[in-house]
Amino acid sequence: MVGAALLQQLLENKEYSSVLIFVRRKTNIQHSKLTEYVVDFDQSALWANYVQGDVLFSCLGTTLAVAGSKPNQYKVDFTYQYEMAKIASDNGVKSLVLVSSAGAKATSGNFYLSMKGKLDEAVQQLPFSSITILRPGQLYGNRFPKRPMEEIAIKVMFFFNRIGLLRNYRPIHADEVAKAMQAAVRKELKGIFTLAELFELSKEIA
């Protein structure tokens, strides 16, 4: 969902002359700036040479329900993203902007948060000139396929927010995260940024 929002914004952003995407399924988007690679992430040798550019935006992810098992989710959320980041670094890409998660911590007892924390730590060991990690909370926006239980949880959180509760955990729209990613590059930011900072960063992009 964040990746789709980011792609649309990058294609409209005059600061970017060319956009290369590496996806598991065709987007069916046609644009003069866009080059699309539909790849098998288990066969990186077939496409690694095409990972070129100034900045890698990493938004890949899945859910346990879709993946079917924790090892499968780990492969998508950790292995594929780390391998892509390493390939980009090896190819001379200077900057990495990674979408992580609020609460990410390698030592967490929660599988998802531990996985995200381990990825955050792993990519920070790669020799990029600039590494930016964004940790949003609950995400909402134009998601396909729909996730009914997640939509209910977001509505509940909005209710609590309206009465002044749990403001530090308020949902953030995918469009805002995508804008924050671009703002991080524009401002040459490095480090880890949490929810409140993402809302502020998103205001930097019209």
N, C-alpha and C. Protein backbone atom coordinates (compact mmCIF):
# COMPACT_ATOMS: atom_id res chain seq x y z
N MET A 1 0.82 -1.20 0.00
CA MET A 1 0.00 0.00 0.00
C MET A 1 0.86 1.26 0.00
N VAL A 2 1.90 1.29 0.84
CA VAL A 2 2.81 2.44 0.84
C VAL A 2 3.57 2.51 -0.47
N GLY A 3 3.99 1.37 -0.98
CA GLY A 3 4.72 1.33 -2.24
C GLY A 3 3.90 1.90 -3.39
N ALA A 4 2.61 1.55 -3.43
CA ALA A 4 1.74 2.06 -4.49
C ALA A 4 1.59 3.57 -4.40
N ALA A 5 1.42 4.06 -3.16
CA ALA A 5 1.29 5.51 -2.95
C ALA A 5 2.58 6.22 -3.33
N LEU A 6 3.70 5.64 -2.93
CA LEU A 6 5.00 6.24 -3.24
C LEU A 6 5.25 6.29 -4.74
N LEU A 7 4.93 5.21 -5.43
CA LEU A 7 5.15 5.17 -6.87
C LEU A 7 4.40 6.30 -7.56
N GLN A 8 3.14 6.47 -7.23
CA GLN A 8 2.35 7.51 -7.86
C GLN A 8 2.94 8.89 -7.60
N GLN A 9 3.39 9.12 -6.38
CA GLN A 9 3.97 10.41 -6.03
C GLN A 9 5.30 10.65 -6.73
N LEU A 10 6.12 9.62 -6.83
CA LEU A 10 7.42 9.77 -7.50
C LEU A 10 7.25 10.09 -8.98
N LEU A 11 6.25 9.48 -9.59
CA LEU A 11 6.01 9.74 -11.01
C LEU A 11 5.56 11.18 -11.24
N GLU A 12 4.95 11.78 -10.22
CA GLU A 12 4.49 13.17 -10.32
C GLU A 12 5.54 14.17 -9.83
N ASN A 13 6.56 13.68 -9.13
CA ASN A 13 7.58 14.53 -8.52
C ASN A 13 8.68 14.86 -9.53
N LYS A 14 8.83 16.14 -9.85
CA LYS A 14 9.80 16.56 -10.86
C LYS A 14 11.25 16.40 -10.40
N GLU A 15 11.46 16.13 -9.11
CA GLU A 15 12.82 15.91 -8.61
C GLU A 15 13.37 14.56 -9.07
N TYR A 16 12.49 13.68 -9.56
CA TYR A 16 12.90 12.34 -9.98
C TYR A 16 12.68 12.20 -11.48
N SER A 17 13.76 11.96 -12.21
CA SER A 17 13.68 11.86 -13.67
C SER A 17 13.40 10.43 -14.13
N SER A 18 13.69 9.46 -13.27
CA SER A 18 13.51 8.06 -13.64
C SER A 18 13.16 7.25 -12.41
N VAL A 19 12.21 6.34 -12.56
CA VAL A 19 11.78 5.49 -11.45
C VAL A 19 11.81 4.04 -11.90
N LEU A 20 12.59 3.22 -11.19
CA LEU A 20 12.65 1.78 -11.46
C LEU A 20 11.96 1.07 -10.31
N ILE A 21 11.07 0.14 -10.63
CA ILE A 21 10.42 -0.62 -9.56
C ILE A 21 10.65 -2.11 -9.76
N PHE A 22 10.79 -2.81 -8.66
CA PHE A 22 10.98 -4.26 -8.65
C PHE A 22 9.82 -4.85 -7.87
N VAL A 23 8.96 -5.54 -8.57
CA VAL A 23 7.69 -5.99 -8.00
C VAL A 23 7.46 -7.47 -8.28
N ARG A 24 6.55 -8.04 -7.50
CA ARG A 24 6.21 -9.45 -7.69
C ARG A 24 5.10 -9.65 -8.71
N ARG A 25 4.31 -8.59 -8.93
CA ARG A 25 3.20 -8.66 -9.89
C ARG A 25 3.17 -7.37 -10.71
N LYS A 26 2.69 -7.46 -11.94
CA LYS A 26 2.60 -6.29 -12.81
C LYS A 26 1.69 -5.24 -12.20
N THR A 27 2.07 -3.98 -12.36
CA THR A 27 1.23 -2.89 -11.87
C THR A 27 0.27 -2.38 -12.94
N ASN A 28 0.60 -2.64 -14.20
CA ASN A 28 -0.20 -2.14 -15.34
C ASN A 28 -0.20 -0.62 -15.41
N ILE A 29 0.82 0.01 -14.84
CA ILE A 29 0.97 1.46 -14.89
C ILE A 29 1.91 1.81 -16.04
N GLN A 30 1.49 2.73 -16.86
CA GLN A 30 2.31 3.19 -17.98
C GLN A 30 2.71 4.65 -17.73
N HIS A 31 4.02 4.91 -17.79
CA HIS A 31 4.50 6.29 -17.59
C HIS A 31 5.88 6.40 -18.21
N SER A 32 6.17 7.56 -18.79
CA SER A 32 7.45 7.75 -19.47
C SER A 32 8.65 7.63 -18.53
N LYS A 33 8.46 7.91 -17.23
CA LYS A 33 9.57 7.83 -16.27
C LYS A 33 9.74 6.44 -15.68
N LEU A 34 8.78 5.55 -15.91
CA LEU A 34 8.73 4.29 -15.18
C LEU A 34 9.33 3.13 -15.96
N THR A 35 10.21 2.37 -15.28
CA THR A 35 10.69 1.09 -15.78
C THR A 35 10.32 0.04 -14.74
N GLU A 36 9.57 -0.95 -15.17
CA GLU A 36 9.06 -1.96 -14.23
C GLU A 36 9.73 -3.31 -14.47
N TYR A 37 10.22 -3.89 -13.37
CA TYR A 37 10.78 -5.24 -13.43
C TYR A 37 9.92 -6.15 -12.56
N VAL A 38 9.28 -7.11 -13.19
CA VAL A 38 8.55 -8.14 -12.45
C VAL A 38 9.53 -9.27 -12.20
N VAL A 39 9.86 -9.49 -10.92
CA VAL A 39 10.98 -10.39 -10.61
C VAL A 39 10.57 -11.49 -9.64
N ASP A 40 11.38 -12.52 -9.64
CA ASP A 40 11.33 -13.57 -8.61
C ASP A 40 12.41 -13.22 -7.60
N PHE A 41 12.02 -12.83 -6.41
CA PHE A 41 13.00 -12.39 -5.42
C PHE A 41 13.90 -13.52 -4.95
N ASP A 42 13.54 -14.77 -5.28
CA ASP A 42 14.42 -15.89 -4.96
C ASP A 42 15.50 -16.08 -6.02
N GLN A 43 15.42 -15.32 -7.13
CA GLN A 43 16.37 -15.46 -8.24
C GLN A 43 17.05 -14.12 -8.51
N SER A 44 17.68 -13.56 -7.49
CA SER A 44 18.22 -12.21 -7.60
C SER A 44 19.34 -12.09 -8.65
N ALA A 45 20.03 -13.19 -8.94
CA ALA A 45 21.10 -13.13 -9.93
C ALA A 45 20.59 -12.72 -11.30
N LEU A 46 19.30 -12.93 -11.56
CA LEU A 46 18.72 -12.64 -12.86
C LEU A 46 18.45 -11.15 -13.06
N TRP A 47 18.35 -10.39 -11.95
CA TRP A 47 17.97 -8.98 -12.08
C TRP A 47 18.83 -8.02 -11.28
N ALA A 48 19.80 -8.52 -10.54
CA ALA A 48 20.60 -7.67 -9.64
C ALA A 48 21.28 -6.51 -10.38
N ASN A 49 21.71 -6.73 -11.59
CA ASN A 49 22.43 -5.68 -12.34
C ASN A 49 21.56 -4.48 -12.66
N TYR A 50 20.23 -4.67 -12.61
CA TYR A 50 19.32 -3.57 -12.94
C TYR A 50 19.03 -2.65 -11.76
N VAL A 51 19.49 -3.03 -10.59
CA VAL A 51 19.23 -2.21 -9.40
C VAL A 51 20.24 -1.06 -9.38
N GLN A 52 19.85 0.04 -9.97
CA GLN A 52 20.71 1.19 -10.13
C GLN A 52 19.94 2.46 -9.75
N GLY A 53 20.66 3.50 -9.35
CA GLY A 53 19.99 4.77 -9.08
C GLY A 53 20.63 5.51 -7.92
N ASP A 54 19.94 6.54 -7.47
CA ASP A 54 20.44 7.39 -6.37
C ASP A 54 19.93 6.95 -5.01
N VAL A 55 18.69 6.42 -4.98
CA VAL A 55 18.08 6.07 -3.70
C VAL A 55 17.21 4.83 -3.87
N LEU A 56 17.27 3.95 -2.89
CA LEU A 56 16.39 2.79 -2.83
C LEU A 56 15.32 3.04 -1.79
N PHE A 57 14.06 3.02 -2.22
CA PHE A 57 12.92 3.07 -1.30
C PHE A 57 12.44 1.64 -1.12
N SER A 58 12.44 1.16 0.10
CA SER A 58 12.09 -0.24 0.37
C SER A 58 10.77 -0.32 1.13
N CYS A 59 9.75 -0.88 0.46
CA CYS A 59 8.40 -0.93 1.03
C CYS A 59 7.81 -2.34 1.03
N LEU A 60 8.61 -3.34 0.70
CA LEU A 60 8.09 -4.69 0.55
C LEU A 60 7.60 -5.24 1.88
N GLY A 61 6.49 -5.99 1.84
CA GLY A 61 5.99 -6.59 3.06
C GLY A 61 4.79 -7.45 2.80
N THR A 62 4.45 -8.29 3.77
CA THR A 62 3.27 -9.13 3.70
C THR A 62 2.73 -9.33 5.10
N THR A 63 1.70 -10.14 5.22
CA THR A 63 1.14 -10.46 6.53
C THR A 63 1.29 -11.95 6.79
N LEU A 64 1.16 -12.33 8.04
CA LEU A 64 1.25 -13.74 8.38
C LEU A 64 0.13 -14.52 7.71
N ALA A 65 -1.06 -13.90 7.63
CA ALA A 65 -2.20 -14.59 7.01
C ALA A 65 -1.94 -14.87 5.53
N VAL A 66 -1.38 -13.88 4.84
CA VAL A 66 -1.09 -14.06 3.41
C VAL A 66 0.09 -15.00 3.20
N ALA A 67 1.12 -14.85 4.01
CA ALA A 67 2.32 -15.67 3.86
C ALA A 67 2.07 -17.13 4.21
N GLY A 68 1.20 -17.35 5.19
CA GLY A 68 0.86 -18.72 5.56
C GLY A 68 1.69 -19.32 6.67
N SER A 69 2.84 -18.72 6.95
CA SER A 69 3.69 -19.22 8.04
C SER A 69 4.69 -18.13 8.41
N LYS A 70 5.25 -18.23 9.60
CA LYS A 70 6.26 -17.26 10.02
C LYS A 70 7.51 -17.32 9.15
N PRO A 71 8.00 -18.51 8.78
CA PRO A 71 9.18 -18.54 7.89
C PRO A 71 8.92 -17.86 6.55
N ASN A 72 7.72 -18.02 6.00
CA ASN A 72 7.41 -17.37 4.73
C ASN A 72 7.33 -15.85 4.89
N GLN A 73 6.74 -15.40 6.00
CA GLN A 73 6.67 -13.96 6.22
C GLN A 73 8.07 -13.39 6.44
N TYR A 74 8.90 -14.11 7.15
CA TYR A 74 10.27 -13.66 7.40
C TYR A 74 11.02 -13.52 6.08
N LYS A 75 10.78 -14.46 5.15
CA LYS A 75 11.47 -14.39 3.86
C LYS A 75 11.14 -13.10 3.13
N VAL A 76 9.85 -12.71 3.14
CA VAL A 76 9.42 -11.50 2.44
C VAL A 76 9.86 -10.25 3.18
N ASP A 77 9.56 -10.20 4.48
CA ASP A 77 9.77 -8.96 5.24
C ASP A 77 11.21 -8.72 5.64
N PHE A 78 11.98 -9.79 5.80
CA PHE A 78 13.39 -9.61 6.16
C PHE A 78 14.32 -9.96 5.00
N THR A 79 14.31 -11.23 4.57
CA THR A 79 15.31 -11.70 3.62
C THR A 79 15.29 -10.93 2.31
N TYR A 80 14.11 -10.81 1.70
CA TYR A 80 14.03 -10.12 0.41
C TYR A 80 14.45 -8.66 0.53
N GLN A 81 14.02 -8.00 1.59
CA GLN A 81 14.36 -6.58 1.73
C GLN A 81 15.84 -6.40 2.01
N TYR A 82 16.41 -7.26 2.85
CA TYR A 82 17.83 -7.14 3.14
C TYR A 82 18.66 -7.42 1.88
N GLU A 83 18.30 -8.47 1.14
CA GLU A 83 19.05 -8.81 -0.06
C GLU A 83 18.96 -7.69 -1.09
N MET A 84 17.78 -7.09 -1.24
CA MET A 84 17.65 -5.97 -2.17
C MET A 84 18.52 -4.80 -1.73
N ALA A 85 18.52 -4.50 -0.44
CA ALA A 85 19.34 -3.40 0.08
C ALA A 85 20.82 -3.68 -0.16
N LYS A 86 21.23 -4.91 0.07
CA LYS A 86 22.65 -5.25 -0.13
C LYS A 86 23.04 -5.13 -1.61
N ILE A 87 22.16 -5.59 -2.49
CA ILE A 87 22.42 -5.47 -3.92
C ILE A 87 22.55 -4.01 -4.31
N ALA A 88 21.63 -3.18 -3.82
CA ALA A 88 21.67 -1.75 -4.13
C ALA A 88 22.98 -1.13 -3.65
N SER A 89 23.37 -1.46 -2.43
CA SER A 89 24.61 -0.94 -1.88
C SER A 89 25.81 -1.38 -2.70
N ASP A 90 25.83 -2.66 -3.05
CA ASP A 90 26.93 -3.20 -3.86
C ASP A 90 27.01 -2.51 -5.22
N ASN A 91 25.86 -2.08 -5.73
CA ASN A 91 25.80 -1.44 -7.05
C ASN A 91 26.04 0.06 -7.00
N GLY A 92 26.32 0.59 -5.81
CA GLY A 92 26.66 2.00 -5.71
C GLY A 92 25.51 2.93 -5.42
N VAL A 93 24.32 2.40 -5.13
CA VAL A 93 23.21 3.27 -4.71
C VAL A 93 23.60 3.91 -3.38
N LYS A 94 23.42 5.22 -3.27
CA LYS A 94 23.95 5.95 -2.12
C LYS A 94 23.03 5.98 -0.90
N SER A 95 21.71 5.97 -1.15
CA SER A 95 20.77 6.18 -0.04
C SER A 95 19.73 5.08 0.05
N LEU A 96 19.32 4.78 1.27
CA LEU A 96 18.26 3.80 1.53
C LEU A 96 17.22 4.45 2.42
N VAL A 97 15.94 4.31 2.02
CA VAL A 97 14.83 4.71 2.88
C VAL A 97 13.96 3.48 3.07
N LEU A 98 13.84 3.04 4.31
CA LEU A 98 13.17 1.79 4.64
C LEU A 98 11.94 2.05 5.49
N VAL A 99 10.81 1.43 5.12
CA VAL A 99 9.61 1.48 5.95
C VAL A 99 9.68 0.33 6.95
N SER A 100 9.75 0.67 8.23
CA SER A 100 9.81 -0.33 9.29
C SER A 100 8.46 -0.32 10.02
N SER A 101 8.49 -0.39 11.33
CA SER A 101 7.25 -0.43 12.10
C SER A 101 7.46 0.18 13.48
N ALA A 102 6.43 0.85 13.97
CA ALA A 102 6.48 1.33 15.36
C ALA A 102 6.70 0.13 16.27
N GLY A 103 7.57 0.30 17.25
CA GLY A 103 7.85 -0.77 18.20
C GLY A 103 8.86 -1.79 17.73
N ALA A 104 9.43 -1.59 16.55
CA ALA A 104 10.42 -2.54 16.04
C ALA A 104 11.60 -2.64 17.00
N LYS A 105 11.94 -3.86 17.37
CA LYS A 105 13.05 -4.09 18.30
C LYS A 105 13.52 -5.53 18.14
N ALA A 106 14.79 -5.71 17.84
CA ALA A 106 15.31 -7.04 17.56
C ALA A 106 15.08 -8.02 18.70
N THR A 107 15.09 -7.53 19.93
CA THR A 107 14.94 -8.41 21.09
C THR A 107 13.50 -8.56 21.55
N SER A 108 12.55 -8.02 20.80
CA SER A 108 11.15 -8.10 21.18
C SER A 108 10.67 -9.54 21.22
N GLY A 109 9.75 -9.84 22.12
CA GLY A 109 9.13 -11.16 22.17
C GLY A 109 8.07 -11.34 21.11
N ASN A 110 7.69 -10.26 20.44
CA ASN A 110 6.71 -10.32 19.37
C ASN A 110 7.43 -10.63 18.05
N PHE A 111 6.99 -11.66 17.36
CA PHE A 111 7.68 -12.11 16.14
C PHE A 111 7.82 -10.98 15.12
N TYR A 112 6.72 -10.28 14.84
CA TYR A 112 6.74 -9.23 13.81
C TYR A 112 7.67 -8.09 14.19
N LEU A 113 7.57 -7.61 15.43
CA LEU A 113 8.40 -6.49 15.86
C LEU A 113 9.86 -6.88 15.93
N SER A 114 10.13 -8.12 16.33
CA SER A 114 11.52 -8.61 16.36
C SER A 114 12.09 -8.68 14.94
N MET A 115 11.30 -9.19 14.01
CA MET A 115 11.74 -9.29 12.62
C MET A 115 12.06 -7.92 12.04
N LYS A 116 11.18 -6.95 12.30
CA LYS A 116 11.41 -5.59 11.81
C LYS A 116 12.64 -4.98 12.46
N GLY A 117 12.81 -5.20 13.75
CA GLY A 117 13.97 -4.67 14.45
C GLY A 117 15.27 -5.26 13.93
N LYS A 118 15.25 -6.55 13.64
CA LYS A 118 16.45 -7.21 13.10
C LYS A 118 16.80 -6.65 11.73
N LEU A 119 15.78 -6.38 10.92
CA LEU A 119 16.04 -5.80 9.60
C LEU A 119 16.63 -4.40 9.75
N ASP A 120 16.06 -3.60 10.65
CA ASP A 120 16.59 -2.25 10.88
C ASP A 120 18.07 -2.31 11.22
N GLU A 121 18.43 -3.22 12.12
CA GLU A 121 19.83 -3.34 12.53
C GLU A 121 20.70 -3.84 11.39
N ALA A 122 20.19 -4.79 10.62
CA ALA A 122 21.00 -5.38 9.55
C ALA A 122 21.33 -4.36 8.45
N VAL A 123 20.33 -3.60 8.02
CA VAL A 123 20.59 -2.66 6.92
C VAL A 123 21.51 -1.53 7.35
N GLN A 124 21.52 -1.23 8.65
CA GLN A 124 22.39 -0.15 9.12
C GLN A 124 23.86 -0.55 9.06
N GLN A 125 24.14 -1.81 8.84
CA GLN A 125 25.52 -2.26 8.70
C GLN A 125 26.01 -2.18 7.25
N LEU A 126 25.09 -1.87 6.32
CA LEU A 126 25.48 -1.76 4.91
C LEU A 126 26.08 -0.39 4.64
N PRO A 127 27.03 -0.29 3.70
CA PRO A 127 27.77 0.96 3.49
C PRO A 127 27.08 2.00 2.62
N PHE A 128 25.79 2.27 2.89
CA PHE A 128 25.13 3.39 2.22
C PHE A 128 25.67 4.69 2.79
N SER A 129 25.63 5.74 1.99
CA SER A 129 26.01 7.06 2.51
C SER A 129 24.94 7.59 3.46
N SER A 130 23.70 7.20 3.20
CA SER A 130 22.58 7.69 4.00
C SER A 130 21.56 6.58 4.19
N ILE A 131 21.16 6.34 5.44
CA ILE A 131 20.13 5.34 5.74
C ILE A 131 19.06 6.01 6.60
N THR A 132 17.82 5.94 6.12
CA THR A 132 16.69 6.51 6.85
C THR A 132 15.68 5.41 7.09
N ILE A 133 15.29 5.23 8.35
CA ILE A 133 14.31 4.20 8.72
C ILE A 133 13.09 4.89 9.30
N LEU A 134 11.93 4.62 8.70
CA LEU A 134 10.69 5.22 9.16
C LEU A 134 9.86 4.18 9.90
N ARG A 135 9.35 4.56 11.07
CA ARG A 135 8.57 3.63 11.89
C ARG A 135 7.15 4.15 12.12
N PRO A 136 6.28 3.96 11.12
CA PRO A 136 4.89 4.37 11.28
C PRO A 136 4.14 3.40 12.19
N GLY A 137 2.95 3.82 12.61
CA GLY A 137 2.08 2.92 13.37
C GLY A 137 1.13 2.22 12.40
N GLN A 138 -0.14 2.15 12.79
CA GLN A 138 -1.13 1.54 11.92
C GLN A 138 -1.25 2.33 10.61
N LEU A 139 -1.28 1.60 9.51
CA LEU A 139 -1.39 2.22 8.20
C LEU A 139 -2.80 2.07 7.66
N TYR A 140 -3.26 3.10 6.96
CA TYR A 140 -4.54 2.97 6.26
C TYR A 140 -4.44 3.66 4.91
N GLY A 141 -5.38 3.35 4.03
CA GLY A 141 -5.36 3.90 2.68
C GLY A 141 -6.03 2.96 1.72
N ASN A 142 -5.63 3.05 0.45
CA ASN A 142 -6.24 2.23 -0.60
C ASN A 142 -5.52 0.89 -0.68
N ARG A 143 -5.96 -0.04 0.15
CA ARG A 143 -5.31 -1.35 0.21
C ARG A 143 -6.11 -2.38 -0.59
N PHE A 144 -5.38 -3.21 -1.34
CA PHE A 144 -6.00 -4.33 -2.05
C PHE A 144 -5.11 -5.55 -1.90
N PRO A 145 -5.70 -6.70 -1.49
CA PRO A 145 -7.09 -6.87 -1.11
C PRO A 145 -7.40 -6.21 0.24
N LYS A 146 -8.69 -6.04 0.51
CA LYS A 146 -9.13 -5.42 1.74
C LYS A 146 -8.81 -6.33 2.94
N ARG A 147 -8.62 -5.69 4.10
CA ARG A 147 -8.39 -6.43 5.34
C ARG A 147 -9.43 -5.97 6.35
N PRO A 148 -10.61 -6.63 6.39
CA PRO A 148 -11.73 -6.17 7.23
C PRO A 148 -11.37 -5.97 8.70
N MET A 149 -10.64 -6.91 9.28
CA MET A 149 -10.32 -6.79 10.71
C MET A 149 -9.40 -5.60 10.96
N GLU A 150 -8.48 -5.37 10.04
CA GLU A 150 -7.58 -4.23 10.18
C GLU A 150 -8.35 -2.92 10.07
N GLU A 151 -9.33 -2.87 9.17
CA GLU A 151 -10.14 -1.66 9.01
C GLU A 151 -10.94 -1.37 10.27
N ILE A 152 -11.43 -2.43 10.91
CA ILE A 152 -12.17 -2.25 12.17
C ILE A 152 -11.23 -1.72 13.25
N ALA A 153 -10.02 -2.27 13.33
CA ALA A 153 -9.05 -1.83 14.33
C ALA A 153 -8.69 -0.36 14.15
N ILE A 154 -8.58 0.07 12.89
CA ILE A 154 -8.24 1.47 12.61
C ILE A 154 -9.39 2.38 13.03
N LYS A 155 -10.63 1.97 12.78
CA LYS A 155 -11.79 2.76 13.19
C LYS A 155 -11.83 2.90 14.72
N VAL A 156 -11.51 1.80 15.41
CA VAL A 156 -11.48 1.84 16.86
C VAL A 156 -10.40 2.81 17.35
N MET A 157 -9.23 2.77 16.69
CA MET A 157 -8.15 3.66 17.09
C MET A 157 -8.52 5.12 16.83
N PHE A 158 -9.17 5.41 15.71
CA PHE A 158 -9.62 6.77 15.43
C PHE A 158 -10.60 7.26 16.49
N PHE A 159 -11.45 6.35 16.96
CA PHE A 159 -12.39 6.71 18.02
C PHE A 159 -11.65 7.14 19.28
N PHE A 160 -10.67 6.34 19.69
CA PHE A 160 -9.88 6.68 20.87
C PHE A 160 -9.15 8.00 20.68
N ASN A 161 -8.62 8.21 19.46
CA ASN A 161 -7.90 9.46 19.17
C ASN A 161 -8.81 10.66 19.32
N ARG A 162 -10.06 10.53 18.87
CA ARG A 162 -11.01 11.65 18.92
C ARG A 162 -11.34 12.06 20.36
N ILE A 163 -11.25 11.12 21.27
CA ILE A 163 -11.54 11.47 22.68
C ILE A 163 -10.25 11.70 23.47
N GLY A 164 -9.14 11.88 22.73
CA GLY A 164 -7.89 12.28 23.35
C GLY A 164 -7.01 11.15 23.86
N LEU A 165 -7.33 9.91 23.47
CA LEU A 165 -6.54 8.77 23.96
C LEU A 165 -5.66 8.19 22.86
N LEU A 166 -4.52 7.63 23.27
CA LEU A 166 -3.62 6.89 22.37
C LEU A 166 -3.18 7.72 21.17
N ARG A 167 -2.97 9.01 21.38
CA ARG A 167 -2.57 9.87 20.26
C ARG A 167 -1.20 9.48 19.69
N ASN A 168 -0.36 8.89 20.53
CA ASN A 168 0.96 8.48 20.05
C ASN A 168 0.90 7.24 19.16
N TYR A 169 -0.30 6.65 19.05
CA TYR A 169 -0.46 5.45 18.23
C TYR A 169 -1.50 5.65 17.13
N ARG A 170 -1.76 6.92 16.78
CA ARG A 170 -2.80 7.19 15.80
C ARG A 170 -2.40 6.66 14.42
N PRO A 171 -3.37 6.20 13.65
CA PRO A 171 -3.08 5.68 12.31
C PRO A 171 -2.53 6.78 11.40
N ILE A 172 -1.75 6.36 10.41
CA ILE A 172 -1.20 7.29 9.44
C ILE A 172 -1.50 6.77 8.04
N HIS A 173 -1.90 7.68 7.15
CA HIS A 173 -2.27 7.28 5.79
C HIS A 173 -1.01 6.94 4.99
N ALA A 174 -1.15 5.96 4.10
CA ALA A 174 -0.02 5.56 3.26
C ALA A 174 0.54 6.73 2.47
N ASP A 175 -0.33 7.64 2.03
CA ASP A 175 0.14 8.81 1.28
C ASP A 175 1.10 9.66 2.12
N GLU A 176 0.81 9.77 3.41
CA GLU A 176 1.66 10.58 4.29
C GLU A 176 3.01 9.91 4.51
N VAL A 177 3.01 8.59 4.64
CA VAL A 177 4.28 7.88 4.79
C VAL A 177 5.12 8.05 3.52
N ALA A 178 4.48 7.95 2.36
CA ALA A 178 5.19 8.11 1.09
C ALA A 178 5.80 9.51 0.98
N LYS A 179 5.06 10.52 1.42
CA LYS A 179 5.58 11.88 1.40
C LYS A 179 6.76 12.03 2.36
N ALA A 180 6.65 11.39 3.52
CA ALA A 180 7.74 11.45 4.50
C ALA A 180 9.00 10.81 3.95
N MET A 181 8.85 9.76 3.16
CA MET A 181 10.01 9.10 2.55
C MET A 181 10.74 10.05 1.62
N GLN A 182 9.99 10.77 0.80
CA GLN A 182 10.62 11.71 -0.12
C GLN A 182 11.23 12.90 0.62
N ALA A 183 10.55 13.35 1.66
CA ALA A 183 11.08 14.47 2.44
C ALA A 183 12.40 14.10 3.10
N ALA A 184 12.51 12.85 3.54
CA ALA A 184 13.75 12.39 4.16
C ALA A 184 14.92 12.49 3.20
N VAL A 185 14.66 12.17 1.92
CA VAL A 185 15.71 12.27 0.91
C VAL A 185 16.02 13.74 0.61
N ARG A 186 14.98 14.53 0.46
CA ARG A 186 15.17 15.95 0.14
C ARG A 186 15.98 16.64 1.23
N LYS A 187 15.72 16.30 2.49
CA LYS A 187 16.40 16.95 3.61
C LYS A 187 17.68 16.22 4.02
N GLU A 188 18.02 15.14 3.29
CA GLU A 188 19.24 14.36 3.55
C GLU A 188 19.30 13.89 5.00
N LEU A 189 18.17 13.35 5.46
CA LEU A 189 18.08 12.90 6.84
C LEU A 189 18.66 11.50 7.00
N LYS A 190 19.21 11.26 8.16
CA LYS A 190 19.73 9.94 8.51
C LYS A 190 19.18 9.56 9.88
N GLY A 191 18.98 8.25 10.09
CA GLY A 191 18.54 7.80 11.39
C GLY A 191 17.16 7.18 11.36
N ILE A 192 16.57 7.03 12.56
CA ILE A 192 15.27 6.40 12.73
C ILE A 192 14.25 7.46 13.11
N PHE A 193 13.09 7.44 12.43
CA PHE A 193 12.07 8.45 12.65
C PHE A 193 10.75 7.78 13.02
N THR A 194 10.12 8.30 14.08
CA THR A 194 8.90 7.71 14.61
C THR A 194 7.67 8.46 14.13
N LEU A 195 6.50 8.01 14.58
CA LEU A 195 5.23 8.45 14.04
C LEU A 195 5.06 9.97 14.00
N ALA A 196 5.26 10.64 15.11
CA ALA A 196 5.05 12.09 15.14
C ALA A 196 5.97 12.79 14.14
N GLU A 197 7.19 12.30 14.00
CA GLU A 197 8.13 12.89 13.05
C GLU A 197 7.69 12.65 11.60
N LEU A 198 7.04 11.51 11.36
CA LEU A 198 6.56 11.23 10.00
C LEU A 198 5.45 12.20 9.61
N PHE A 199 4.55 12.50 10.53
CA PHE A 199 3.50 13.46 10.23
C PHE A 199 4.10 14.81 9.86
N GLU A 200 5.14 15.22 10.57
CA GLU A 200 5.78 16.50 10.28
C GLU A 200 6.53 16.46 8.94
N LEU A 201 7.23 15.38 8.69
CA LEU A 201 7.97 15.24 7.44
C LEU A 201 7.03 15.27 6.23
N SER A 202 5.86 14.64 6.39
CA SER A 202 4.94 14.54 5.26
C SER A 202 4.47 15.92 4.78
N LYS A 203 4.52 16.91 5.67
CA LYS A 203 4.09 18.26 5.31
C LYS A 203 5.10 18.96 4.37
N GLU A 204 6.30 18.39 4.25
CA GLU A 204 7.33 18.99 3.42
C GLU A 204 7.06 18.78 1.93
N ILE A 205 6.24 17.78 1.59
CA ILE A 205 5.95 17.45 0.19
C ILE A 205 4.53 17.88 -0.12
N ALA A 206 4.37 18.73 -1.12
CA ALA A 206 3.03 19.24 -1.48
C ALA A 206 2.16 18.13 -2.04
